[in-house]
N, C-alpha and C. Protein backbone atom coordinates (compact mmCIF):
# COMPACT_ATOMS: atom_id res chain seq x y z
N MET A 1 0.85 -1.19 0.00
CA MET A 1 0.00 0.00 0.00
C MET A 1 0.88 1.23 0.00
N ILE A 2 0.60 2.17 -0.88
CA ILE A 2 1.35 3.41 -0.96
C ILE A 2 0.66 4.46 -0.11
N ILE A 3 1.40 5.09 0.81
CA ILE A 3 0.86 6.12 1.69
C ILE A 3 1.42 7.46 1.27
N SER A 4 0.55 8.38 0.94
CA SER A 4 0.98 9.70 0.50
C SER A 4 1.57 10.48 1.66
N LYS A 5 2.23 11.62 1.35
CA LYS A 5 2.79 12.48 2.38
C LYS A 5 1.70 13.00 3.30
N THR A 6 0.53 13.31 2.72
CA THR A 6 -0.58 13.82 3.53
C THR A 6 -1.05 12.77 4.52
N MET A 7 -1.15 11.51 4.05
CA MET A 7 -1.59 10.43 4.94
C MET A 7 -0.57 10.17 6.01
N LYS A 8 0.73 10.23 5.65
CA LYS A 8 1.77 10.03 6.66
C LYS A 8 1.69 11.09 7.74
N SER A 9 1.45 12.32 7.32
CA SER A 9 1.34 13.42 8.28
C SER A 9 0.16 13.21 9.21
N LEU A 10 -1.00 12.81 8.62
CA LEU A 10 -2.18 12.58 9.43
C LEU A 10 -1.98 11.42 10.39
N LEU A 11 -1.31 10.34 9.92
CA LEU A 11 -1.06 9.18 10.75
C LEU A 11 -0.15 9.54 11.91
N GLY A 12 0.92 10.31 11.60
CA GLY A 12 1.84 10.71 12.66
C GLY A 12 1.15 11.55 13.70
N THR A 13 0.30 12.49 13.26
CA THR A 13 -0.43 13.34 14.19
C THR A 13 -1.39 12.53 15.04
N THR A 14 -2.05 11.55 14.41
CA THR A 14 -3.00 10.70 15.13
C THR A 14 -2.30 9.87 16.20
N LEU A 15 -1.20 9.23 15.84
CA LEU A 15 -0.47 8.41 16.80
C LEU A 15 0.07 9.24 17.95
N ALA A 16 0.55 10.44 17.64
CA ALA A 16 1.04 11.33 18.70
C ALA A 16 -0.09 11.70 19.64
N GLY A 17 -1.27 11.94 19.07
CA GLY A 17 -2.42 12.29 19.91
C GLY A 17 -2.83 11.13 20.79
N VAL A 18 -2.80 9.91 20.25
CA VAL A 18 -3.14 8.73 21.04
C VAL A 18 -2.15 8.55 22.18
N ALA A 19 -0.85 8.70 21.89
CA ALA A 19 0.17 8.56 22.93
C ALA A 19 -0.01 9.60 24.02
N LEU A 20 -0.31 10.84 23.61
CA LEU A 20 -0.53 11.90 24.58
C LEU A 20 -1.74 11.61 25.44
N ALA A 21 -2.82 11.17 24.80
CA ALA A 21 -4.03 10.88 25.55
C ALA A 21 -3.81 9.74 26.53
N ALA A 22 -3.06 8.72 26.10
CA ALA A 22 -2.77 7.60 26.99
C ALA A 22 -1.95 8.06 28.18
N GLY A 23 -0.96 8.91 27.90
CA GLY A 23 -0.13 9.43 28.99
C GLY A 23 -0.93 10.26 29.96
N LEU A 24 -1.84 11.09 29.44
CA LEU A 24 -2.66 11.90 30.30
C LEU A 24 -3.58 11.04 31.15
N ALA A 25 -4.08 9.94 30.57
CA ALA A 25 -4.96 9.06 31.32
C ALA A 25 -4.23 8.46 32.51
N ILE A 26 -2.94 8.10 32.32
CA ILE A 26 -2.16 7.52 33.40
C ILE A 26 -1.85 8.56 34.45
N SER A 27 -1.37 9.75 34.01
CA SER A 27 -0.98 10.78 34.97
C SER A 27 -2.17 11.25 35.78
N ASN A 28 -3.37 11.30 35.16
CA ASN A 28 -4.54 11.77 35.86
C ASN A 28 -5.01 10.79 36.93
N THR A 29 -4.64 9.52 36.80
CA THR A 29 -5.08 8.53 37.77
C THR A 29 -4.02 8.26 38.83
N ALA A 30 -2.82 8.87 38.71
CA ALA A 30 -1.76 8.65 39.70
C ALA A 30 -2.09 9.38 40.99
N VAL A 31 -1.99 8.67 42.09
CA VAL A 31 -2.25 9.24 43.41
C VAL A 31 -1.03 9.01 44.27
N ALA A 32 -0.51 10.08 44.89
CA ALA A 32 0.68 9.96 45.72
C ALA A 32 0.35 9.26 47.04
N GLY A 33 1.03 8.17 47.30
CA GLY A 33 0.92 7.45 48.56
C GLY A 33 2.29 6.96 48.97
N PRO A 34 2.42 6.31 50.12
CA PRO A 34 3.72 5.79 50.54
C PRO A 34 4.32 4.87 49.49
N LEU A 35 5.60 5.06 49.23
CA LEU A 35 6.30 4.30 48.20
C LEU A 35 7.58 3.75 48.81
N ALA A 36 7.75 2.44 48.79
CA ALA A 36 8.88 1.81 49.47
C ALA A 36 9.91 1.30 48.46
N PRO A 37 11.17 1.69 48.62
CA PRO A 37 12.23 1.13 47.76
C PRO A 37 12.50 -0.32 48.13
N ILE A 38 13.07 -1.08 47.18
CA ILE A 38 13.44 -2.46 47.46
C ILE A 38 14.89 -2.56 47.94
N SER A 39 15.68 -1.50 47.72
CA SER A 39 17.06 -1.47 48.19
C SER A 39 17.61 -0.06 48.05
N TYR A 40 18.73 0.19 48.71
CA TYR A 40 19.50 1.42 48.45
C TYR A 40 20.98 1.11 48.52
N ASP A 41 21.75 1.89 47.77
CA ASP A 41 23.20 1.72 47.68
C ASP A 41 23.88 3.00 48.16
N MET A 42 24.96 2.85 48.97
CA MET A 42 25.65 4.03 49.49
C MET A 42 26.95 3.58 50.16
N ASP A 43 27.75 4.55 50.57
CA ASP A 43 28.89 4.27 51.44
C ASP A 43 28.41 4.24 52.88
N ASN A 44 28.91 3.27 53.65
CA ASN A 44 28.55 3.16 55.05
C ASN A 44 28.94 4.43 55.80
N GLY A 45 28.29 4.65 56.96
CA GLY A 45 28.64 5.80 57.79
C GLY A 45 30.02 5.66 58.42
N ASN A 46 30.33 6.63 59.26
CA ASN A 46 31.65 6.68 59.89
C ASN A 46 31.52 6.53 61.40
N SER A 47 32.65 6.36 62.06
CA SER A 47 32.69 6.26 63.51
C SER A 47 33.37 7.48 64.11
N GLY A 48 32.94 7.82 65.32
CA GLY A 48 33.53 8.93 66.06
C GLY A 48 33.47 8.59 67.53
N SER A 49 32.71 9.36 68.31
CA SER A 49 32.50 8.98 69.72
C SER A 49 31.79 7.63 69.79
N TYR A 50 30.89 7.39 68.83
CA TYR A 50 30.19 6.11 68.68
C TYR A 50 30.32 5.68 67.22
N ASN A 51 29.68 4.57 66.90
CA ASN A 51 29.73 4.06 65.52
C ASN A 51 28.42 4.43 64.81
N TYR A 52 28.54 5.26 63.81
CA TYR A 52 27.35 5.75 63.12
C TYR A 52 27.15 5.00 61.80
N TRP A 53 27.27 3.67 61.90
CA TRP A 53 27.15 2.80 60.75
C TRP A 53 25.70 2.40 60.52
N ASP A 54 25.44 1.87 59.34
CA ASP A 54 24.14 1.28 59.03
C ASP A 54 24.23 -0.20 59.38
N GLN A 55 24.18 -0.49 60.66
CA GLN A 55 24.49 -1.85 61.12
C GLN A 55 23.40 -2.87 60.84
N ILE A 56 22.18 -2.44 60.51
CA ILE A 56 21.13 -3.41 60.20
C ILE A 56 20.98 -3.60 58.69
N TYR A 57 21.90 -3.05 57.92
CA TYR A 57 21.81 -3.15 56.47
C TYR A 57 21.82 -4.61 56.03
N THR A 58 20.93 -4.96 55.08
CA THR A 58 20.73 -6.37 54.70
C THR A 58 21.47 -6.78 53.42
N GLY A 59 22.11 -5.84 52.75
CA GLY A 59 22.76 -6.16 51.48
C GLY A 59 24.21 -6.57 51.66
N THR A 60 25.01 -6.40 50.60
CA THR A 60 26.42 -6.77 50.64
C THR A 60 27.27 -5.58 51.06
N GLY A 61 28.42 -5.88 51.66
CA GLY A 61 29.32 -4.86 52.15
C GLY A 61 29.44 -4.93 53.66
N SER A 62 30.55 -4.45 54.19
CA SER A 62 30.79 -4.51 55.63
C SER A 62 30.04 -3.40 56.35
N THR A 63 29.11 -3.77 57.22
CA THR A 63 28.33 -2.79 57.97
C THR A 63 29.08 -2.27 59.19
N THR A 64 30.27 -2.78 59.44
CA THR A 64 31.06 -2.34 60.59
C THR A 64 32.40 -1.74 60.15
N THR A 65 32.45 -1.26 58.91
CA THR A 65 33.66 -0.62 58.38
C THR A 65 33.31 0.77 57.88
N ASP A 66 34.06 1.75 58.33
CA ASP A 66 33.83 3.13 57.90
C ASP A 66 33.88 3.25 56.38
N GLY A 67 32.83 3.83 55.79
CA GLY A 67 32.83 4.13 54.37
C GLY A 67 32.75 2.95 53.44
N ALA A 68 32.48 1.75 53.95
CA ALA A 68 32.40 0.57 53.09
C ALA A 68 31.24 0.70 52.11
N ALA A 69 31.42 0.21 50.89
CA ALA A 69 30.35 0.25 49.89
C ALA A 69 29.26 -0.75 50.26
N LEU A 70 28.04 -0.26 50.40
CA LEU A 70 26.89 -1.09 50.72
C LEU A 70 25.96 -1.11 49.51
N THR A 71 25.57 -2.30 49.07
CA THR A 71 24.72 -2.42 47.89
C THR A 71 23.67 -3.50 48.07
N GLY A 72 22.51 -3.28 47.45
CA GLY A 72 21.49 -4.32 47.33
C GLY A 72 20.67 -4.61 48.55
N GLY A 73 20.66 -3.73 49.54
CA GLY A 73 19.91 -4.03 50.76
C GLY A 73 19.15 -2.84 51.30
N LEU A 74 18.52 -3.06 52.45
CA LEU A 74 17.80 -2.02 53.18
C LEU A 74 18.34 -1.96 54.59
N GLY A 75 18.12 -0.82 55.26
CA GLY A 75 18.66 -0.69 56.61
C GLY A 75 18.04 0.45 57.38
N ASP A 76 18.87 1.16 58.13
CA ASP A 76 18.40 2.22 59.02
C ASP A 76 17.59 3.30 58.31
N LEU A 77 17.89 3.58 57.06
CA LEU A 77 17.25 4.70 56.37
C LEU A 77 15.82 4.39 55.91
N THR A 78 15.41 3.12 56.00
CA THR A 78 14.06 2.74 55.54
C THR A 78 13.35 1.83 56.53
N ASP A 79 13.81 1.81 57.80
CA ASP A 79 13.22 0.88 58.77
C ASP A 79 12.03 1.45 59.52
N GLY A 80 11.63 2.68 59.20
CA GLY A 80 10.48 3.29 59.86
C GLY A 80 10.78 3.93 61.19
N VAL A 81 12.06 3.92 61.61
CA VAL A 81 12.45 4.51 62.89
C VAL A 81 12.99 5.91 62.64
N ILE A 82 12.28 6.91 63.14
CA ILE A 82 12.67 8.31 62.99
C ILE A 82 13.25 8.81 64.30
N ALA A 83 14.46 9.31 64.27
CA ALA A 83 15.11 9.80 65.48
C ALA A 83 14.41 11.05 66.00
N LEU A 84 14.04 11.04 67.27
CA LEU A 84 13.37 12.18 67.89
C LEU A 84 14.31 12.96 68.81
N SER A 85 15.53 12.45 68.99
CA SER A 85 16.51 13.14 69.83
C SER A 85 17.82 13.25 69.07
N ASN A 86 18.72 14.11 69.56
CA ASN A 86 19.99 14.35 68.90
C ASN A 86 20.88 13.12 68.94
N TRP A 87 21.89 13.13 68.07
CA TRP A 87 22.76 11.98 67.89
C TRP A 87 23.42 11.52 69.19
N TYR A 88 23.85 12.44 70.04
CA TYR A 88 24.59 12.07 71.24
C TYR A 88 23.70 11.42 72.29
N ILE A 89 22.37 11.50 72.09
CA ILE A 89 21.42 10.78 72.95
C ILE A 89 20.96 9.50 72.27
N ALA A 90 20.56 9.62 71.01
CA ALA A 90 20.00 8.46 70.30
C ALA A 90 21.04 7.38 70.04
N GLU A 91 22.30 7.75 69.87
CA GLU A 91 23.33 6.78 69.53
C GLU A 91 24.06 6.21 70.76
N ALA A 92 23.97 6.88 71.89
CA ALA A 92 24.69 6.43 73.08
C ALA A 92 23.94 5.30 73.78
N PRO A 93 24.66 4.36 74.44
CA PRO A 93 26.12 4.22 74.39
C PRO A 93 26.60 3.19 73.37
N ALA A 94 25.64 2.42 72.79
CA ALA A 94 26.05 1.30 71.94
C ALA A 94 26.54 1.74 70.57
N GLY A 95 26.05 2.87 70.09
CA GLY A 95 26.47 3.33 68.77
C GLY A 95 25.76 2.66 67.62
N ASN A 96 24.64 2.00 67.89
CA ASN A 96 23.86 1.36 66.81
C ASN A 96 22.44 1.91 66.79
N GLY A 97 22.32 3.22 66.99
CA GLY A 97 21.01 3.87 67.02
C GLY A 97 20.44 4.11 65.64
N PRO A 98 19.46 5.01 65.53
CA PRO A 98 18.71 5.19 64.29
C PRO A 98 19.44 5.99 63.21
N TYR A 99 20.50 6.69 63.58
CA TYR A 99 21.18 7.55 62.61
C TYR A 99 22.26 6.81 61.82
N VAL A 100 22.46 7.28 60.60
CA VAL A 100 23.70 7.00 59.87
C VAL A 100 24.40 8.36 59.73
N GLY A 101 25.68 8.41 60.09
CA GLY A 101 26.40 9.67 60.06
C GLY A 101 27.66 9.59 59.22
N TRP A 102 27.91 10.64 58.44
CA TRP A 102 29.09 10.69 57.59
C TRP A 102 29.92 11.93 57.95
N VAL A 103 31.23 11.78 57.93
CA VAL A 103 32.12 12.89 58.26
C VAL A 103 32.97 13.26 57.05
N ASN A 104 33.10 14.56 56.84
CA ASN A 104 33.96 15.12 55.79
C ASN A 104 33.67 14.54 54.40
N LYS A 105 32.39 14.28 54.12
CA LYS A 105 31.99 13.85 52.78
C LYS A 105 30.56 14.27 52.53
N ASN A 106 30.19 14.30 51.26
CA ASN A 106 28.82 14.58 50.84
C ASN A 106 28.22 13.28 50.32
N PRO A 107 27.60 12.52 51.20
CA PRO A 107 27.19 11.15 50.84
C PRO A 107 26.16 11.11 49.70
N ILE A 108 26.31 10.08 48.86
CA ILE A 108 25.38 9.83 47.76
C ILE A 108 24.64 8.53 48.06
N ILE A 109 23.32 8.57 47.96
CA ILE A 109 22.48 7.40 48.25
C ILE A 109 21.55 7.18 47.06
N THR A 110 21.57 5.98 46.49
CA THR A 110 20.69 5.65 45.37
C THR A 110 19.64 4.65 45.83
N PHE A 111 18.38 5.03 45.73
CA PHE A 111 17.27 4.18 46.13
C PHE A 111 16.71 3.49 44.88
N ASN A 112 16.54 2.18 44.98
CA ASN A 112 16.06 1.37 43.85
C ASN A 112 14.65 0.86 44.15
N PHE A 113 13.75 0.93 43.15
CA PHE A 113 12.36 0.56 43.35
C PHE A 113 11.96 -0.71 42.60
N GLY A 114 12.80 -1.21 41.74
CA GLY A 114 12.52 -2.48 41.08
C GLY A 114 11.54 -2.39 39.93
N THR A 115 10.93 -1.25 39.73
CA THR A 115 10.00 -1.03 38.63
C THR A 115 9.93 0.48 38.40
N THR A 116 9.26 0.89 37.35
CA THR A 116 9.14 2.32 37.08
C THR A 116 8.11 2.93 38.03
N VAL A 117 8.52 3.99 38.70
CA VAL A 117 7.65 4.67 39.64
C VAL A 117 7.60 6.16 39.33
N TRP A 118 6.55 6.78 39.81
CA TRP A 118 6.41 8.23 39.79
C TRP A 118 6.56 8.72 41.22
N ILE A 119 7.48 9.65 41.46
CA ILE A 119 7.75 10.13 42.82
C ILE A 119 7.35 11.59 42.91
N ASP A 120 6.41 11.87 43.81
CA ASP A 120 5.95 13.24 44.02
C ASP A 120 6.79 13.95 45.07
N SER A 121 7.17 13.23 46.15
CA SER A 121 7.90 13.90 47.23
C SER A 121 8.89 12.97 47.92
N VAL A 122 9.89 13.58 48.53
CA VAL A 122 10.88 12.90 49.35
C VAL A 122 10.98 13.64 50.67
N THR A 123 10.96 12.90 51.79
CA THR A 123 11.10 13.50 53.11
C THR A 123 12.36 12.96 53.77
N LEU A 124 13.20 13.86 54.26
CA LEU A 124 14.43 13.50 54.95
C LEU A 124 14.32 13.86 56.42
N TYR A 125 14.80 12.96 57.29
CA TYR A 125 14.81 13.21 58.73
C TYR A 125 16.27 13.36 59.17
N LEU A 126 16.59 14.56 59.65
CA LEU A 126 17.98 14.97 59.85
C LEU A 126 18.21 15.43 61.28
N ASP A 127 19.48 15.37 61.71
CA ASP A 127 19.84 15.96 62.99
C ASP A 127 20.42 17.36 62.76
N ASP A 128 20.23 18.22 63.77
CA ASP A 128 20.71 19.60 63.69
C ASP A 128 21.16 20.05 65.07
N SER A 129 21.98 19.22 65.75
CA SER A 129 22.31 19.45 67.15
C SER A 129 23.28 20.61 67.38
N ASN A 130 24.11 20.90 66.37
CA ASN A 130 25.20 21.88 66.53
C ASN A 130 26.14 21.46 67.64
N VAL A 131 26.25 20.17 67.87
CA VAL A 131 27.17 19.60 68.86
C VAL A 131 28.10 18.64 68.14
N GLY A 132 29.40 18.76 68.35
CA GLY A 132 30.36 17.86 67.74
C GLY A 132 30.46 18.00 66.24
N GLY A 133 30.12 19.18 65.72
CA GLY A 133 30.21 19.39 64.27
C GLY A 133 29.08 18.80 63.49
N VAL A 134 27.94 18.53 64.15
CA VAL A 134 26.77 17.97 63.47
C VAL A 134 25.77 19.08 63.18
N LEU A 135 25.53 19.33 61.91
CA LEU A 135 24.54 20.31 61.47
C LEU A 135 23.73 19.72 60.33
N GLN A 136 22.57 20.30 60.08
CA GLN A 136 21.79 19.91 58.91
C GLN A 136 22.62 20.17 57.66
N PRO A 137 22.39 19.39 56.59
CA PRO A 137 23.08 19.70 55.32
C PRO A 137 22.63 21.05 54.80
N SER A 138 23.48 21.70 54.05
CA SER A 138 23.11 23.00 53.47
C SER A 138 22.12 22.84 52.33
N SER A 139 22.25 21.74 51.59
CA SER A 139 21.34 21.48 50.48
C SER A 139 21.39 20.00 50.14
N VAL A 140 20.49 19.60 49.25
CA VAL A 140 20.44 18.21 48.80
C VAL A 140 20.16 18.19 47.32
N ASP A 141 20.84 17.30 46.61
CA ASP A 141 20.53 17.03 45.21
C ASP A 141 19.56 15.86 45.14
N ILE A 142 18.49 16.02 44.38
CA ILE A 142 17.54 14.93 44.13
C ILE A 142 17.52 14.70 42.62
N ASN A 143 18.08 13.60 42.20
CA ASN A 143 18.22 13.31 40.76
C ASN A 143 18.89 14.46 40.03
N GLY A 144 19.90 15.07 40.67
CA GLY A 144 20.67 16.12 40.03
C GLY A 144 20.12 17.51 40.19
N ASN A 145 18.93 17.66 40.78
CA ASN A 145 18.35 18.98 41.03
C ASN A 145 18.62 19.38 42.47
N ASN A 146 19.12 20.59 42.68
CA ASN A 146 19.54 21.02 44.01
C ASN A 146 18.43 21.77 44.74
N TYR A 147 18.26 21.42 46.03
CA TYR A 147 17.25 22.06 46.88
C TYR A 147 17.91 22.48 48.19
N VAL A 148 17.60 23.68 48.64
CA VAL A 148 18.14 24.18 49.90
C VAL A 148 17.41 23.52 51.07
N VAL A 149 18.16 23.13 52.10
CA VAL A 149 17.60 22.53 53.30
C VAL A 149 17.39 23.63 54.34
N THR A 150 16.14 23.84 54.74
CA THR A 150 15.81 24.89 55.70
C THR A 150 15.16 24.27 56.93
N ASP A 151 15.69 24.58 58.11
CA ASP A 151 15.13 24.10 59.36
C ASP A 151 13.78 24.79 59.60
N PRO A 152 12.69 24.03 59.75
CA PRO A 152 11.37 24.66 59.95
C PRO A 152 11.26 25.42 61.27
N THR A 153 12.08 25.06 62.25
CA THR A 153 12.08 25.77 63.54
C THR A 153 13.53 26.13 63.88
N PRO A 154 14.11 27.09 63.20
CA PRO A 154 15.51 27.42 63.42
C PRO A 154 15.78 27.87 64.86
N GLY A 155 16.92 27.42 65.37
CA GLY A 155 17.32 27.81 66.72
C GLY A 155 17.02 26.79 67.79
N ASP A 156 16.14 25.79 67.51
CA ASP A 156 15.83 24.83 68.57
C ASP A 156 16.82 23.67 68.62
N LEU A 157 17.63 23.50 67.57
CA LEU A 157 18.70 22.50 67.53
C LEU A 157 18.20 21.07 67.69
N LEU A 158 16.94 20.81 67.35
CA LEU A 158 16.38 19.47 67.44
C LEU A 158 16.32 18.82 66.06
N PRO A 159 16.25 17.48 66.03
CA PRO A 159 16.09 16.82 64.73
C PRO A 159 14.79 17.29 64.06
N PHE A 160 14.77 17.24 62.74
CA PHE A 160 13.57 17.67 62.03
C PHE A 160 13.44 16.91 60.71
N GLY A 161 12.22 16.92 60.18
CA GLY A 161 11.97 16.35 58.86
C GLY A 161 11.69 17.45 57.87
N ILE A 162 12.15 17.30 56.66
CA ILE A 162 11.89 18.27 55.60
C ILE A 162 11.43 17.53 54.35
N THR A 163 10.35 18.04 53.75
CA THR A 163 9.76 17.39 52.57
C THR A 163 9.98 18.24 51.33
N PHE A 164 10.44 17.59 50.29
CA PHE A 164 10.59 18.24 48.98
C PHE A 164 9.50 17.64 48.08
N SER A 165 8.52 18.45 47.71
CA SER A 165 7.36 17.92 46.98
C SER A 165 7.29 18.51 45.58
N GLY A 166 6.36 17.98 44.80
CA GLY A 166 6.21 18.41 43.42
C GLY A 166 7.38 18.01 42.54
N LEU A 167 8.06 16.91 42.89
CA LEU A 167 9.25 16.49 42.13
C LEU A 167 8.89 15.98 40.75
N ASN A 168 7.77 15.26 40.65
CA ASN A 168 7.32 14.69 39.38
C ASN A 168 8.43 13.88 38.69
N ALA A 169 9.13 13.08 39.50
CA ALA A 169 10.24 12.26 38.99
C ALA A 169 9.74 10.87 38.62
N THR A 170 10.19 10.35 37.50
CA THR A 170 9.85 8.99 37.10
C THR A 170 11.12 8.21 36.80
N GLY A 171 11.06 6.91 37.05
CA GLY A 171 12.20 6.04 36.81
C GLY A 171 12.17 4.89 37.79
N SER A 172 13.16 4.02 37.71
CA SER A 172 13.23 2.88 38.61
C SER A 172 14.16 3.13 39.80
N SER A 173 14.80 4.31 39.84
CA SER A 173 15.67 4.65 40.96
C SER A 173 15.66 6.16 41.17
N LEU A 174 16.13 6.57 42.33
CA LEU A 174 16.26 7.99 42.66
C LEU A 174 17.53 8.17 43.47
N THR A 175 18.31 9.20 43.13
CA THR A 175 19.59 9.45 43.79
C THR A 175 19.56 10.74 44.60
N LEU A 176 20.01 10.63 45.85
CA LEU A 176 20.15 11.78 46.73
C LEU A 176 21.62 12.04 47.00
N GLN A 177 21.99 13.31 47.13
CA GLN A 177 23.31 13.67 47.63
C GLN A 177 23.15 14.78 48.65
N LEU A 178 23.69 14.55 49.85
CA LEU A 178 23.61 15.53 50.92
C LEU A 178 24.89 16.35 50.95
N TYR A 179 24.74 17.67 50.96
CA TYR A 179 25.90 18.56 51.01
C TYR A 179 26.03 19.13 52.42
N ARG A 180 27.06 18.71 53.13
CA ARG A 180 27.24 19.12 54.52
C ARG A 180 27.67 20.58 54.59
N GLN A 181 27.35 21.21 55.73
CA GLN A 181 27.83 22.55 55.99
C GLN A 181 28.74 22.59 57.21
N SER A 182 28.98 21.40 57.82
CA SER A 182 29.93 21.26 58.91
C SER A 182 30.63 19.93 58.72
N SER A 183 31.29 19.42 59.76
CA SER A 183 32.05 18.17 59.62
C SER A 183 31.15 16.97 59.35
N TRP A 184 30.01 16.92 60.06
CA TRP A 184 29.16 15.73 60.03
C TRP A 184 27.78 16.06 59.47
N VAL A 185 27.18 15.04 58.85
CA VAL A 185 25.76 15.09 58.48
C VAL A 185 25.14 13.77 58.93
N PHE A 186 23.98 13.87 59.60
CA PHE A 186 23.31 12.70 60.18
C PHE A 186 21.90 12.57 59.61
N LEU A 187 21.56 11.37 59.17
CA LEU A 187 20.27 11.06 58.54
C LEU A 187 19.68 9.83 59.20
N SER A 188 18.40 9.90 59.61
CA SER A 188 17.81 8.73 60.28
C SER A 188 16.78 8.00 59.43
N GLU A 189 16.15 8.68 58.49
CA GLU A 189 15.09 8.03 57.69
C GLU A 189 14.84 8.82 56.42
N VAL A 190 14.42 8.10 55.37
CA VAL A 190 14.01 8.72 54.11
C VAL A 190 12.67 8.10 53.72
N GLU A 191 11.69 8.97 53.43
CA GLU A 191 10.37 8.51 53.01
C GLU A 191 10.02 9.05 51.63
N PHE A 192 9.26 8.25 50.88
CA PHE A 192 8.86 8.63 49.53
C PHE A 192 7.34 8.58 49.40
N ALA A 193 6.80 9.50 48.61
CA ALA A 193 5.38 9.46 48.25
C ALA A 193 5.28 9.49 46.74
N GLY A 194 4.46 8.61 46.20
CA GLY A 194 4.30 8.51 44.76
C GLY A 194 3.43 7.34 44.40
N ASP A 195 3.70 6.73 43.25
CA ASP A 195 2.89 5.62 42.78
C ASP A 195 3.69 4.81 41.77
N VAL A 196 3.32 3.56 41.62
CA VAL A 196 3.91 2.72 40.59
C VAL A 196 3.30 3.09 39.25
N VAL A 197 4.12 3.22 38.23
CA VAL A 197 3.64 3.57 36.90
C VAL A 197 3.19 2.29 36.20
N SER A 198 1.89 2.21 35.87
CA SER A 198 1.36 1.03 35.21
C SER A 198 1.64 1.09 33.72
N SER A 199 1.38 -0.02 33.03
CA SER A 199 1.59 -0.07 31.58
C SER A 199 0.69 0.94 30.89
N ALA A 200 1.20 1.51 29.81
CA ALA A 200 0.47 2.55 29.09
C ALA A 200 -0.62 1.93 28.22
N VAL A 201 -1.74 1.55 28.83
CA VAL A 201 -2.88 0.99 28.10
C VAL A 201 -3.91 2.09 27.90
N PRO A 202 -4.20 2.48 26.65
CA PRO A 202 -5.17 3.56 26.42
C PRO A 202 -6.54 3.22 26.98
N GLU A 203 -7.23 4.24 27.47
CA GLU A 203 -8.60 4.06 27.95
C GLU A 203 -9.54 3.89 26.76
N PRO A 204 -10.78 3.38 26.99
CA PRO A 204 -11.71 3.16 25.87
C PRO A 204 -11.90 4.40 25.00
N GLY A 205 -11.98 5.58 25.62
CA GLY A 205 -12.16 6.79 24.83
C GLY A 205 -11.00 7.04 23.90
N THR A 206 -9.80 6.72 24.37
CA THR A 206 -8.60 6.89 23.54
C THR A 206 -8.62 5.93 22.36
N LEU A 207 -9.05 4.69 22.61
CA LEU A 207 -9.14 3.71 21.53
C LEU A 207 -10.18 4.14 20.50
N ALA A 208 -11.28 4.69 20.99
CA ALA A 208 -12.32 5.16 20.06
C ALA A 208 -11.78 6.28 19.19
N LEU A 209 -11.01 7.20 19.80
CA LEU A 209 -10.40 8.28 19.04
C LEU A 209 -9.47 7.75 17.97
N PHE A 210 -8.70 6.73 18.31
CA PHE A 210 -7.78 6.11 17.37
C PHE A 210 -8.54 5.51 16.20
N GLY A 211 -9.68 4.81 16.52
CA GLY A 211 -10.48 4.18 15.48
C GLY A 211 -11.08 5.21 14.52
N LEU A 212 -11.56 6.32 15.07
CA LEU A 212 -12.12 7.37 14.22
C LEU A 212 -11.05 7.98 13.33
N SER A 213 -9.84 8.13 13.87
CA SER A 213 -8.75 8.70 13.09
C SER A 213 -8.38 7.78 11.94
N LEU A 214 -8.33 6.48 12.20
CA LEU A 214 -8.02 5.52 11.13
C LEU A 214 -9.11 5.53 10.07
N ALA A 215 -10.36 5.66 10.54
CA ALA A 215 -11.46 5.72 9.57
C ALA A 215 -11.32 6.95 8.68
N GLY A 216 -10.89 8.06 9.31
CA GLY A 216 -10.67 9.27 8.54
C GLY A 216 -9.58 9.09 7.51
N LEU A 217 -8.53 8.38 7.86
CA LEU A 217 -7.45 8.11 6.91
C LEU A 217 -7.95 7.26 5.75
N GLY A 218 -8.83 6.29 6.06
CA GLY A 218 -9.39 5.48 4.99
C GLY A 218 -10.23 6.30 4.04
N PHE A 219 -10.98 7.26 4.60
CA PHE A 219 -11.81 8.14 3.76
C PHE A 219 -10.94 8.99 2.84
N VAL A 220 -9.81 9.51 3.37
CA VAL A 220 -8.89 10.30 2.55
C VAL A 220 -8.33 9.44 1.43
N ARG A 221 -7.99 8.18 1.75
CA ARG A 221 -7.41 7.30 0.74
C ARG A 221 -8.44 6.98 -0.36
N ARG A 222 -9.71 6.79 0.05
CA ARG A 222 -10.73 6.47 -0.96
C ARG A 222 -10.96 7.66 -1.88
N ARG A 223 -10.98 8.87 -1.31
CA ARG A 223 -11.16 10.05 -2.13
C ARG A 223 -10.03 10.20 -3.12
N LYS A 224 -8.80 9.92 -2.66
CA LYS A 224 -7.66 10.06 -3.57
C LYS A 224 -7.75 9.05 -4.70
N ALA A 225 -8.20 7.83 -4.37
CA ALA A 225 -8.33 6.79 -5.39
C ALA A 225 -9.40 7.16 -6.40
N ALA A 226 -10.49 7.83 -5.92
CA ALA A 226 -11.55 8.23 -6.82
C ALA A 226 -11.08 9.34 -7.76
C-alpha cells in the first residue's frame, strides 16, 4: 500500500495524539501514597565517639567498616524509625542507634524501586544538634536537582523532617546527595510518596479516538483513489 505524504502526516499526528491521551490518562489517575524502595546503595557511615554505621543493612558490604560500599539491601534509612533526639542521645552508648552519620563527605544514596515509579515527594529526617560538628546539610541534590535545606524551627537544635514535593520524577531509581555545611551530616530516615507507573494501556475513549482517526485516513485514501 502506498501512503501519501498527507496520509503520513495525518497518521503521525494521530499516533502522537493517542500517545498523549494515553499518557494523560495515566498521569490523571496517579495518586501519591507511601512508596517503598526495594534497596538502596551508598557508602557506610563513619565512627567517632560512637559508631554511626548502618548496622542493620541487609545487602552486601561490611556494615562495621567506615565508608564501606553497601549495595542491594535495606537498613536504618528505611526501617520506619525516625530519630526524635539528637545523635549524642540516640546513639549512646552502643552506637547502633537510628542515625547514619558521615564525616567530611557529601554522601550519595541511590534508592532502587525495582520497577518504574512516579515520585511526588521525598522526606528527609535529619539531625541539627550543633554539637560535635553535626549540622543539617546546606542542600540536597535529588536526581541532580539542588534544593536548599531549611530548618522549619531554626534555633531549637532538634532533629527535624523536611519534605521536597512536586518532584514529578519517574524512573526505577532515585539518587540523593547531601551537602554538609559542617564536619558531620546525620540522617535517620528517608520517606517517599508517589505511585507505581502502570503499563500505558489507552482508555476506551482513547481507543475510540484512534479508530475514528483511522477511519478518517481510509476516507482520505478512498477520495484520492476516486
